[in-house]
Amino acid sequence: MFPANSFWSGRVDGLGVHTNSGSWVSSIGAGSRVHADFGSGEWDGGPIGIPAVAVGAEQPQVPISFEYADESDPGPYPLPANAPIEGGPNSSGDRHVLVVQNGSCRLFEVYSARPGPTSWTAGSGATWDLRSNDLRPSGWTSADAAGLAILPGLVRYDEVASGSINHMIRFTAPRTQRDFVWPARHQAGSSTSAALPPMGAVFRLKASVDPNRFTGAARVIVAALRTHGMILADNGSSWFLSGSPDPRWDNDQLHQLDVLVGSDFEAVATAPCMVSPDSGAWGC
């Protein structure tokens, strides 16, 4: 997903520590525990995580209307009638729908998606050319508060089973700054205080954390958090990592991550890696 030089694939293990790292970690919760917000089975009547589906080039396009139409990419979108919805069809949560269209190499993402007999309604939506590093217009949301794509930041079972995650991981924080930093394009903050992290802030697991404490899926995720880090993309619970639901996840392995706390992380300075303000190309 996205070109090889995308920020999603950038390495952060060699970057300098951000000057606001300490205050940002404290605001999210230095003692708050990390949680894998995905897994197998169900929670509250729906799958655990943000699902995605691939469709063919022949998938019919359906009309879709948006609450935030001025910052959404207009329809129609190739959404199957039975597209999996985050939290299940009766969810009262974010109700994300993520669709990759094979052939066109495009990603379609929708927030607060609600299907109808012949059309859909949603809060916001965005489409992405997976062959391009182009970012959304500055100030625009997407299906995510940071104005970024969601799917590239999810922990997915197949990549963990292969032994490595080669991208940043999406995560949430309870309070964010009323600002955003590259590569984010949008904010959903509650304060202008510089003590709060902005959307787009990137954190990495400190080198002092021993990966040998972990096994299985947890060890693969820990390695990714050290090498590629995690990017703040939405408001939510402290240090919640996003991933896709899958019946093959071993939830006990994922719960090993619960021993990690906020003080095990540090924010990194990504500004030197920006090639252009309107491009997601990674220059480090």
C-alpha atoms as a PDB file:
ATOM      1  CA  MET A   1       0.000   0.000   0.000  1.00  0.00           C
ATOM      2  CA  PHE A   2       1.380   3.357  -1.186  1.00  0.00           C
ATOM      3  CA  PRO A   3       4.851   3.767  -2.737  1.00  0.00           C
ATOM      4  CA  ALA A   4       7.907   2.279  -1.054  1.00  0.00           C
ATOM      5  CA  ASN A   5       9.081   5.764  -0.012  1.00  0.00           C
ATOM      6  CA  SER A   6       5.803   6.619   1.753  1.00  0.00           C
ATOM      7  CA  PHE A   7       5.986   7.872   5.331  1.00  0.00           C
ATOM      8  CA  TRP A   8       3.963   4.797   6.275  1.00  0.00           C
ATOM      9  CA  SER A   9       7.085   2.717   5.551  1.00  0.00           C
ATOM     10  CA  GLY A  10       9.531   5.168   7.123  1.00  0.00           C
ATOM     11  CA  ARG A  11      11.961   4.065   9.825  1.00  0.00           C
ATOM     12  CA  VAL A  12      11.946   6.114  12.995  1.00  0.00           C
ATOM     13  CA  ASP A  13      14.506   4.235  15.084  1.00  0.00           C
ATOM     14  CA  GLY A  14      17.243   6.662  14.046  1.00  0.00           C
ATOM     15  CA  LEU A  15      15.335   9.927  14.474  1.00  0.00           C
ATOM     16  CA  GLY A  16      15.898  12.467  17.216  1.00  0.00           C
ATOM     17  CA  VAL A  17      13.538  12.800  20.171  1.00  0.00           C
ATOM     18  CA  HIS A  18      10.949  15.573  19.820  1.00  0.00           C
ATOM     19  CA  THR A  19      11.361  18.489  22.215  1.00  0.00           C
ATOM     20  CA  ASN A  20       7.768  18.034  23.451  1.00  0.00           C
ATOM     21  CA  SER A  21       8.043  14.279  23.919  1.00  0.00           C
ATOM     22  CA  GLY A  22       7.812  14.330  27.714  1.00  0.00           C
ATOM     23  CA  SER A  23       4.709  16.521  27.889  1.00  0.00           C
ATOM     24  CA  TRP A  24       2.972  14.610  25.102  1.00  0.00           C
ATOM     25  CA  VAL A  25       3.574  11.262  26.759  1.00  0.00           C
ATOM     26  CA  SER A  26       2.337  12.662  30.088  1.00  0.00           C
ATOM     27  CA  SER A  27      -0.839  14.038  28.504  1.00  0.00           C
ATOM     28  CA  ILE A  28      -1.693  10.677  26.934  1.00  0.00           C
ATOM     29  CA  GLY A  29      -0.758   8.864  30.129  1.00  0.00           C
ATOM     30  CA  ALA A  30       2.755   7.908  31.213  1.00  0.00           C
ATOM     31  CA  GLY A  31       1.298   5.115  33.337  1.00  0.00           C
ATOM     32  CA  SER A  32      -1.536   4.158  30.986  1.00  0.00           C
ATOM     33  CA  ARG A  33      -1.240   0.731  29.424  1.00  0.00           C
ATOM     34  CA  VAL A  34      -0.994  -0.101  25.743  1.00  0.00           C
ATOM     35  CA  HIS A  35      -3.928  -2.037  24.346  1.00  0.00           C
ATOM     36  CA  ALA A  36      -4.321  -3.938  21.072  1.00  0.00           C
ATOM     37  CA  ASP A  37      -7.746  -2.706  19.965  1.00  0.00           C
ATOM     38  CA  PHE A  38      -8.235  -5.723  17.713  1.00  0.00           C
ATOM     39  CA  GLY A  39      -8.346  -9.492  17.974  1.00  0.00           C
ATOM     40  CA  SER A  40     -10.460 -12.578  17.407  1.00  0.00           C
ATOM     41  CA  GLY A  41     -14.042 -13.152  18.465  1.00  0.00           C
ATOM     42  CA  GLU A  42     -16.489 -10.387  19.313  1.00  0.00           C
ATOM     43  CA  TRP A  43     -16.859  -7.569  21.794  1.00  0.00           C
ATOM     44  CA  ASP A  44     -20.147  -5.781  22.408  1.00  0.00           C
ATOM     45  CA  GLY A  45     -21.758  -7.720  19.570  1.00  0.00           C
ATOM     46  CA  GLY A  46     -19.238  -6.935  16.843  1.00  0.00           C
ATOM     47  CA  PRO A  47     -15.792  -7.974  15.591  1.00  0.00           C
ATOM     48  CA  ILE A  48     -12.783  -6.531  17.438  1.00  0.00           C
ATOM     49  CA  GLY A  49     -10.971  -4.089  15.193  1.00  0.00           C
ATOM     50  CA  ILE A  50     -11.469  -2.223  11.920  1.00  0.00           C
ATOM     51  CA  PRO A  51     -12.344  -4.606   9.054  1.00  0.00           C
ATOM     52  CA  ALA A  52     -11.528  -4.153   5.375  1.00  0.00           C
ATOM     53  CA  VAL A  53     -12.633  -5.854   2.181  1.00  0.00           C
ATOM     54  CA  ALA A  54     -11.224  -6.145  -1.338  1.00  0.00           C
ATOM     55  CA  VAL A  55     -13.512  -5.895  -4.384  1.00  0.00           C
ATOM     56  CA  GLY A  56     -12.982  -6.350  -8.092  1.00  0.00           C
ATOM     57  CA  ALA A  57     -13.014  -3.720 -10.806  1.00  0.00           C
ATOM     58  CA  GLU A  58     -16.560  -4.808 -11.702  1.00  0.00           C
ATOM     59  CA  GLN A  59     -17.973  -3.906  -8.246  1.00  0.00           C
ATOM     60  CA  PRO A  60     -20.964  -1.571  -8.823  1.00  0.00           C
ATOM     61  CA  GLN A  61     -20.550   2.018  -7.653  1.00  0.00           C
ATOM     62  CA  VAL A  62     -23.246   3.291  -5.288  1.00  0.00           C
ATOM     63  CA  PRO A  63     -24.256   6.878  -4.486  1.00  0.00           C
ATOM     64  CA  ILE A  64     -23.148   8.174  -1.087  1.00  0.00           C
ATOM     65  CA  SER A  65     -23.911  11.435   0.714  1.00  0.00           C
ATOM     66  CA  PHE A  66     -21.734  12.947   3.454  1.00  0.00           C
ATOM     67  CA  GLU A  67     -22.385  15.091   6.502  1.00  0.00           C
ATOM     68  CA  TYR A  68     -18.993  16.748   5.920  1.00  0.00           C
ATOM     69  CA  ALA A  69     -19.357  16.925   2.156  1.00  0.00           C
ATOM     70  CA  ASP A  70     -17.066  19.942   1.784  1.00  0.00           C
ATOM     71  CA  GLU A  71     -14.088  17.861   2.978  1.00  0.00           C
ATOM     72  CA  SER A  72     -15.103  14.502   1.497  1.00  0.00           C
ATOM     73  CA  ASP A  73     -14.360  12.966  -1.878  1.00  0.00           C
ATOM     74  CA  PRO A  74     -17.696  12.705  -3.680  1.00  0.00           C
ATOM     75  CA  GLY A  75     -19.223   9.371  -4.636  1.00  0.00           C
ATOM     76  CA  PRO A  76     -20.142   7.026  -6.027  1.00  0.00           C
ATOM     77  CA  TYR A  77     -18.043   4.458  -4.114  1.00  0.00           C
ATOM     78  CA  PRO A  78     -17.711   0.711  -4.903  1.00  0.00           C
ATOM     79  CA  LEU A  79     -19.243  -0.396  -1.594  1.00  0.00           C
ATOM     80  CA  PRO A  80     -20.748  -3.888  -1.464  1.00  0.00           C
ATOM     81  CA  ALA A  81     -24.150  -4.078   0.191  1.00  0.00           C
ATOM     82  CA  ASN A  82     -22.641  -6.426   2.782  1.00  0.00           C
ATOM     83  CA  ALA A  83     -19.391  -4.522   3.328  1.00  0.00           C
ATOM     84  CA  PRO A  84     -18.105  -5.187   6.868  1.00  0.00           C
ATOM     85  CA  ILE A  85     -18.710  -2.271   9.223  1.00  0.00           C
ATOM     86  CA  GLU A  86     -16.493  -1.562  12.224  1.00  0.00           C
ATOM     87  CA  GLY A  87     -18.298  -2.817  15.314  1.00  0.00           C
ATOM     88  CA  GLY A  88     -20.884  -4.706  13.266  1.00  0.00           C
ATOM     89  CA  PRO A  89     -24.057  -3.533  11.488  1.00  0.00           C
ATOM     90  CA  ASN A  90     -25.669  -2.365  14.739  1.00  0.00           C
ATOM     91  CA  SER A  91     -22.649  -0.480  16.050  1.00  0.00           C
ATOM     92  CA  SER A  92     -23.038   2.954  17.600  1.00  0.00           C
ATOM     93  CA  GLY A  93     -19.291   3.652  17.255  1.00  0.00           C
ATOM     94  CA  ASP A  94     -17.193   5.006  14.391  1.00  0.00           C
ATOM     95  CA  ARG A  95     -18.616   2.534  11.850  1.00  0.00           C
ATOM     96  CA  HIS A  96     -15.644   2.719   9.483  1.00  0.00           C
ATOM     97  CA  VAL A  97     -15.879   0.892   6.147  1.00  0.00           C
ATOM     98  CA  LEU A  98     -12.650   0.267   4.210  1.00  0.00           C
ATOM     99  CA  VAL A  99     -12.702  -1.028   0.633  1.00  0.00           C
ATOM    100  CA  VAL A 100      -9.752  -1.715  -1.675  1.00  0.00           C
ATOM    101  CA  GLN A 101     -10.627  -1.967  -5.351  1.00  0.00           C
ATOM    102  CA  ASN A 102      -8.353  -4.311  -7.257  1.00  0.00           C
ATOM    103  CA  GLY A 103      -7.397  -3.169 -10.714  1.00  0.00           C
ATOM    104  CA  SER A 104      -7.855   0.534 -10.046  1.00  0.00           C
ATOM    105  CA  CYS A 105      -5.482   0.283  -7.070  1.00  0.00           C
ATOM    106  CA  ARG A 106      -7.707   2.640  -5.092  1.00  0.00           C
ATOM    107  CA  LEU A 107      -8.689   2.662  -1.446  1.00  0.00           C
ATOM    108  CA  PHE A 108     -12.121   3.924  -0.371  1.00  0.00           C
ATOM    109  CA  GLU A 109     -12.676   4.740   3.297  1.00  0.00           C
ATOM    110  CA  VAL A 110     -15.869   5.910   4.986  1.00  0.00           C
ATOM    111  CA  TYR A 111     -16.640   7.122   8.502  1.00  0.00           C
ATOM    112  CA  SER A 112     -20.030   6.625  10.180  1.00  0.00           C
ATOM    113  CA  ALA A 113     -21.177   4.534   7.231  1.00  0.00           C
ATOM    114  CA  ARG A 114     -24.826   3.542   6.970  1.00  0.00           C
ATOM    115  CA  PRO A 115     -26.069   1.485   4.015  1.00  0.00           C
ATOM    116  CA  GLY A 116     -29.478   1.990   2.466  1.00  0.00           C
ATOM    117  CA  PRO A 117     -31.473   0.109  -0.196  1.00  0.00           C
ATOM    118  CA  THR A 118     -29.900   1.994  -3.112  1.00  0.00           C
ATOM    119  CA  SER A 119     -27.418   4.431  -1.564  1.00  0.00           C
ATOM    120  CA  TRP A 120     -25.300   5.075   1.533  1.00  0.00           C
ATOM    121  CA  THR A 121     -24.988   7.938   3.994  1.00  0.00           C
ATOM    122  CA  ALA A 122     -21.863   8.716   6.027  1.00  0.00           C
ATOM    123  CA  GLY A 123     -20.075  11.324   8.075  1.00  0.00           C
ATOM    124  CA  SER A 124     -17.080  11.668   5.753  1.00  0.00           C
ATOM    125  CA  GLY A 125     -15.229   9.756   3.090  1.00  0.00           C
ATOM    126  CA  ALA A 126     -11.944   9.730   1.220  1.00  0.00           C
ATOM    127  CA  THR A 127     -10.423   7.877  -1.697  1.00  0.00           C
ATOM    128  CA  TRP A 128      -6.735   7.165  -2.167  1.00  0.00           C
ATOM    129  CA  ASP A 129      -4.556   6.266  -5.131  1.00  0.00           C
ATOM    130  CA  LEU A 130      -2.329   3.595  -3.584  1.00  0.00           C
ATOM    131  CA  ARG A 131       0.359   4.327  -6.180  1.00  0.00           C
ATOM    132  CA  SER A 132       0.720   7.976  -5.123  1.00  0.00           C
ATOM    133  CA  ASN A 133       2.197   9.893  -2.193  1.00  0.00           C
ATOM    134  CA  ASP A 134      -0.266  12.773  -2.613  1.00  0.00           C
ATOM    135  CA  LEU A 135      -1.853  13.950   0.635  1.00  0.00           C
ATOM    136  CA  ARG A 136      -5.316  15.418   1.073  1.00  0.00           C
ATOM    137  CA  PRO A 137      -5.734  19.209   0.915  1.00  0.00           C
ATOM    138  CA  SER A 138      -4.443  20.852   4.067  1.00  0.00           C
ATOM    139  CA  GLY A 139      -7.263  21.150   6.610  1.00  0.00           C
ATOM    140  CA  TRP A 140      -9.354  18.327   5.153  1.00  0.00           C
ATOM    141  CA  THR A 141     -10.488  15.370   7.172  1.00  0.00           C
ATOM    142  CA  SER A 142     -10.738  11.867   5.722  1.00  0.00           C
ATOM    143  CA  ALA A 143     -12.493   8.904   7.283  1.00  0.00           C
ATOM    144  CA  ASP A 144     -10.032   9.562  10.121  1.00  0.00           C
ATOM    145  CA  ALA A 145      -9.594  12.651  12.283  1.00  0.00           C
ATOM    146  CA  ALA A 146      -5.999  13.176  11.135  1.00  0.00           C
ATOM    147  CA  GLY A 147      -6.977  13.295   7.461  1.00  0.00           C
ATOM    148  CA  LEU A 148      -4.908  10.177   6.752  1.00  0.00           C
ATOM    149  CA  ALA A 149      -5.754   6.782   5.332  1.00  0.00           C
ATOM    150  CA  ILE A 150      -6.686   4.146   7.928  1.00  0.00           C
ATOM    151  CA  LEU A 151      -5.920   0.802   6.294  1.00  0.00           C
ATOM    152  CA  PRO A 152      -2.130   1.272   5.925  1.00  0.00           C
ATOM    153  CA  GLY A 153      -1.821   1.822   9.681  1.00  0.00           C
ATOM    154  CA  LEU A 154      -3.703  -1.268  10.803  1.00  0.00           C
ATOM    155  CA  VAL A 155      -1.991  -4.313  12.271  1.00  0.00           C
ATOM    156  CA  ARG A 156      -3.089  -7.212  10.056  1.00  0.00           C
ATOM    157  CA  TYR A 157      -2.816 -10.896  10.833  1.00  0.00           C
ATOM    158  CA  ASP A 158      -1.132 -11.973   7.601  1.00  0.00           C
ATOM    159  CA  GLU A 159       1.760  -9.537   7.989  1.00  0.00           C
ATOM    160  CA  VAL A 160       2.296 -10.553  11.613  1.00  0.00           C
ATOM    161  CA  ALA A 161       2.242 -14.216  10.585  1.00  0.00           C
ATOM    162  CA  SER A 162       4.940 -13.407   8.004  1.00  0.00           C
ATOM    163  CA  GLY A 163       7.165 -12.213  10.840  1.00  0.00           C
ATOM    164  CA  SER A 164       7.314  -8.458  10.313  1.00  0.00           C
ATOM    165  CA  ILE A 165       5.216  -5.293  10.159  1.00  0.00           C
ATOM    166  CA  ASN A 166       6.836  -2.819   7.786  1.00  0.00           C
ATOM    167  CA  HIS A 167       4.790   0.300   8.511  1.00  0.00           C
ATOM    168  CA  MET A 168       3.715   2.745  11.188  1.00  0.00           C
ATOM    169  CA  ILE A 169       0.773   1.683  13.330  1.00  0.00           C
ATOM    170  CA  ARG A 170      -2.293   3.847  13.882  1.00  0.00           C
ATOM    171  CA  PHE A 171      -3.085   4.745  17.498  1.00  0.00           C
ATOM    172  CA  THR A 172      -5.383   7.005  19.525  1.00  0.00           C
ATOM    173  CA  ALA A 173      -5.098   9.450  22.425  1.00  0.00           C
ATOM    174  CA  PRO A 174      -7.859  10.920  24.623  1.00  0.00           C
ATOM    175  CA  ARG A 175      -6.972  14.603  24.138  1.00  0.00           C
ATOM    176  CA  THR A 176      -5.160  16.195  21.238  1.00  0.00           C
ATOM    177  CA  GLN A 177      -3.916  19.619  20.302  1.00  0.00           C
ATOM    178  CA  ARG A 178      -6.000  21.852  18.062  1.00  0.00           C
ATOM    179  CA  ASP A 179      -3.364  21.498  15.391  1.00  0.00           C
ATOM    180  CA  PHE A 180      -1.760  18.910  13.129  1.00  0.00           C
ATOM    181  CA  VAL A 181       1.754  18.205  11.912  1.00  0.00           C
ATOM    182  CA  TRP A 182       2.970  16.575   8.722  1.00  0.00           C
ATOM    183  CA  PRO A 183       1.891  14.134   7.403  1.00  0.00           C
ATOM    184  CA  ALA A 184      -1.518  14.707   9.040  1.00  0.00           C
ATOM    185  CA  ARG A 185      -3.921  17.125   7.310  1.00  0.00           C
ATOM    186  CA  HIS A 186      -6.631  17.714   9.917  1.00  0.00           C
ATOM    187  CA  GLN A 187      -7.128  18.177  13.642  1.00  0.00           C
ATOM    188  CA  ALA A 188      -9.890  17.352  16.113  1.00  0.00           C
ATOM    189  CA  GLY A 189      -8.312  18.885  19.200  1.00  0.00           C
ATOM    190  CA  SER A 190      -9.743  20.350  22.384  1.00  0.00           C
ATOM    191  CA  SER A 191      -7.002  22.862  23.246  1.00  0.00           C
ATOM    192  CA  THR A 192      -4.207  24.954  21.744  1.00  0.00           C
ATOM    193  CA  SER A 193      -1.853  23.809  24.517  1.00  0.00           C
ATOM    194  CA  ALA A 194       1.504  22.613  23.203  1.00  0.00           C
ATOM    195  CA  ALA A 195       1.459  20.064  26.034  1.00  0.00           C
ATOM    196  CA  LEU A 196      -1.068  18.029  24.056  1.00  0.00           C
ATOM    197  CA  PRO A 197       0.055  16.001  21.032  1.00  0.00           C
ATOM    198  CA  PRO A 198      -1.140  17.121  17.584  1.00  0.00           C
ATOM    199  CA  MET A 199      -2.576  14.784  14.998  1.00  0.00           C
ATOM    200  CA  GLY A 200       0.269  13.262  13.012  1.00  0.00           C
ATOM    201  CA  ALA A 201       2.658  13.024  15.967  1.00  0.00           C
ATOM    202  CA  VAL A 202       4.807   9.906  15.746  1.00  0.00           C
ATOM    203  CA  PHE A 203       6.017   7.876  18.737  1.00  0.00           C
ATOM    204  CA  ARG A 204       8.393   4.946  18.993  1.00  0.00           C
ATOM    205  CA  LEU A 205       9.041   2.316  21.617  1.00  0.00           C
ATOM    206  CA  LYS A 206      12.228   3.101  23.501  1.00  0.00           C
ATOM    207  CA  ALA A 207      15.277   0.981  22.735  1.00  0.00           C
ATOM    208  CA  SER A 208      15.469   0.097  26.434  1.00  0.00           C
ATOM    209  CA  VAL A 209      12.403  -2.161  26.103  1.00  0.00           C
ATOM    210  CA  ASP A 210      13.566  -5.757  25.667  1.00  0.00           C
ATOM    211  CA  PRO A 211      11.663  -7.505  22.833  1.00  0.00           C
ATOM    212  CA  ASN A 212      12.640 -10.871  24.312  1.00  0.00           C
ATOM    213  CA  ARG A 213       9.980 -10.280  26.977  1.00  0.00           C
ATOM    214  CA  PHE A 214       7.373 -11.002  24.310  1.00  0.00           C
ATOM    215  CA  THR A 215       6.403 -13.952  22.153  1.00  0.00           C
ATOM    216  CA  GLY A 216       4.373 -14.581  19.013  1.00  0.00           C
ATOM    217  CA  ALA A 217       2.330 -11.725  17.605  1.00  0.00           C
ATOM    218  CA  ALA A 218       3.260  -9.411  20.491  1.00  0.00           C
ATOM    219  CA  ARG A 219       6.958  -9.690  19.677  1.00  0.00           C
ATOM    220  CA  VAL A 220       6.361  -8.797  16.006  1.00  0.00           C
ATOM    221  CA  ILE A 221       4.297  -5.760  17.024  1.00  0.00           C
ATOM    222  CA  VAL A 222       6.924  -4.644  19.552  1.00  0.00           C
ATOM    223  CA  ALA A 223       9.601  -4.805  16.838  1.00  0.00           C
ATOM    224  CA  ALA A 224       7.466  -2.611  14.575  1.00  0.00           C
ATOM    225  CA  LEU A 225       6.875  -0.088  17.355  1.00  0.00           C
ATOM    226  CA  ARG A 226      10.645   0.273  17.732  1.00  0.00           C
ATOM    227  CA  THR A 227      11.453   0.444  14.022  1.00  0.00           C
ATOM    228  CA  HIS A 228       8.481   2.178  12.378  1.00  0.00           C
ATOM    229  CA  GLY A 229       6.663   3.587  15.391  1.00  0.00           C
ATOM    230  CA  MET A 230       3.041   4.602  15.643  1.00  0.00           C
ATOM    231  CA  ILE A 231       1.191   7.654  14.386  1.00  0.00           C
ATOM    232  CA  LEU A 232      -1.538   9.574  16.219  1.00  0.00           C
ATOM    233  CA  ALA A 233      -4.592   9.492  13.973  1.00  0.00           C
ATOM    234  CA  ASP A 234      -7.722   9.902  16.108  1.00  0.00           C
ATOM    235  CA  ASN A 235      -9.116  10.761  19.519  1.00  0.00           C
ATOM    236  CA  GLY A 236      -9.866   7.730  21.667  1.00  0.00           C
ATOM    237  CA  SER A 237      -8.479   5.698  24.524  1.00  0.00           C
ATOM    238  CA  SER A 238      -4.840   6.115  25.563  1.00  0.00           C
ATOM    239  CA  TRP A 239      -2.301   4.097  23.575  1.00  0.00           C
ATOM    240  CA  PHE A 240      -4.906   1.979  21.752  1.00  0.00           C
ATOM    241  CA  LEU A 241      -3.296   0.325  18.717  1.00  0.00           C
ATOM    242  CA  SER A 242      -5.529  -0.224  15.682  1.00  0.00           C
ATOM    243  CA  GLY A 243      -5.753  -3.469  13.760  1.00  0.00           C
ATOM    244  CA  SER A 244      -8.027  -5.677  11.709  1.00  0.00           C
ATOM    245  CA  PRO A 245     -10.225  -8.371  13.236  1.00  0.00           C
ATOM    246  CA  ASP A 246      -9.309 -11.934  12.353  1.00  0.00           C
ATOM    247  CA  PRO A 247     -10.401 -15.273  13.836  1.00  0.00           C
ATOM    248  CA  ARG A 248      -6.758 -16.410  13.760  1.00  0.00           C
ATOM    249  CA  TRP A 249      -5.557 -13.881  16.334  1.00  0.00           C
ATOM    250  CA  ASP A 250      -4.487 -15.344  19.668  1.00  0.00           C
ATOM    251  CA  ASN A 251      -5.905 -12.785  22.101  1.00  0.00           C
ATOM    252  CA  ASP A 252      -3.661 -14.036  24.908  1.00  0.00           C
ATOM    253  CA  GLN A 253      -0.612 -13.202  22.800  1.00  0.00           C
ATOM    254  CA  LEU A 254      -1.963  -9.728  22.050  1.00  0.00           C
ATOM    255  CA  HIS A 255      -2.584  -9.119  25.759  1.00  0.00           C
ATOM    256  CA  GLN A 256       1.162  -9.401  26.343  1.00  0.00           C
ATOM    257  CA  LEU A 257       1.288  -5.816  25.074  1.00  0.00           C
ATOM    258  CA  ASP A 258      -0.619  -4.729  28.178  1.00  0.00           C
ATOM    259  CA  VAL A 259       2.656  -4.624  30.131  1.00  0.00           C
ATOM    260  CA  LEU A 260       3.769  -1.633  28.041  1.00  0.00           C
ATOM    261  CA  VAL A 261       2.922   1.814  29.407  1.00  0.00           C
ATOM    262  CA  GLY A 262       3.190   5.317  28.046  1.00  0.00           C
ATOM    263  CA  SER A 263       6.577   5.977  29.631  1.00  0.00           C
ATOM    264  CA  ASP A 264       7.989   3.202  27.430  1.00  0.00           C
ATOM    265  CA  PHE A 265       7.516   5.516  24.423  1.00  0.00           C
ATOM    266  CA  GLU A 266       8.991   8.756  23.137  1.00  0.00           C
ATOM    267  CA  ALA A 267       7.854  11.158  20.426  1.00  0.00           C
ATOM    268  CA  VAL A 268      10.233  11.604  17.504  1.00  0.00           C
ATOM    269  CA  ALA A 269      11.005  14.593  15.295  1.00  0.00           C
ATOM    270  CA  THR A 270       9.689  13.775  11.828  1.00  0.00           C
ATOM    271  CA  ALA A 271       9.912  17.286  10.308  1.00  0.00           C
ATOM    272  CA  PRO A 272      13.374  16.594   8.788  1.00  0.00           C
ATOM    273  CA  CYS A 273      11.843  13.679   6.870  1.00  0.00           C
ATOM    274  CA  MET A 274       9.297  15.827   4.993  1.00  0.00           C
ATOM    275  CA  VAL A 275      10.146  16.138   1.303  1.00  0.00           C
ATOM    276  CA  SER A 276       7.169  18.410   0.545  1.00  0.00           C
ATOM    277  CA  PRO A 277       4.246  19.634   2.690  1.00  0.00           C
ATOM    278  CA  ASP A 278       1.732  18.156   0.249  1.00  0.00           C
ATOM    279  CA  SER A 279       3.461  14.817  -0.225  1.00  0.00           C
ATOM    280  CA  GLY A 280       3.662  11.775   1.983  1.00  0.00           C
ATOM    281  CA  ALA A 281       7.121  10.939   0.619  1.00  0.00           C
ATOM    282  CA  TRP A 282       9.608  10.126   3.391  1.00  0.00           C
ATOM    283  CA  GLY A 283      13.018  11.753   3.036  1.00  0.00           C
ATOM    284  CA  CYS A 284      14.928  10.116   5.891  1.00  0.00           C
END
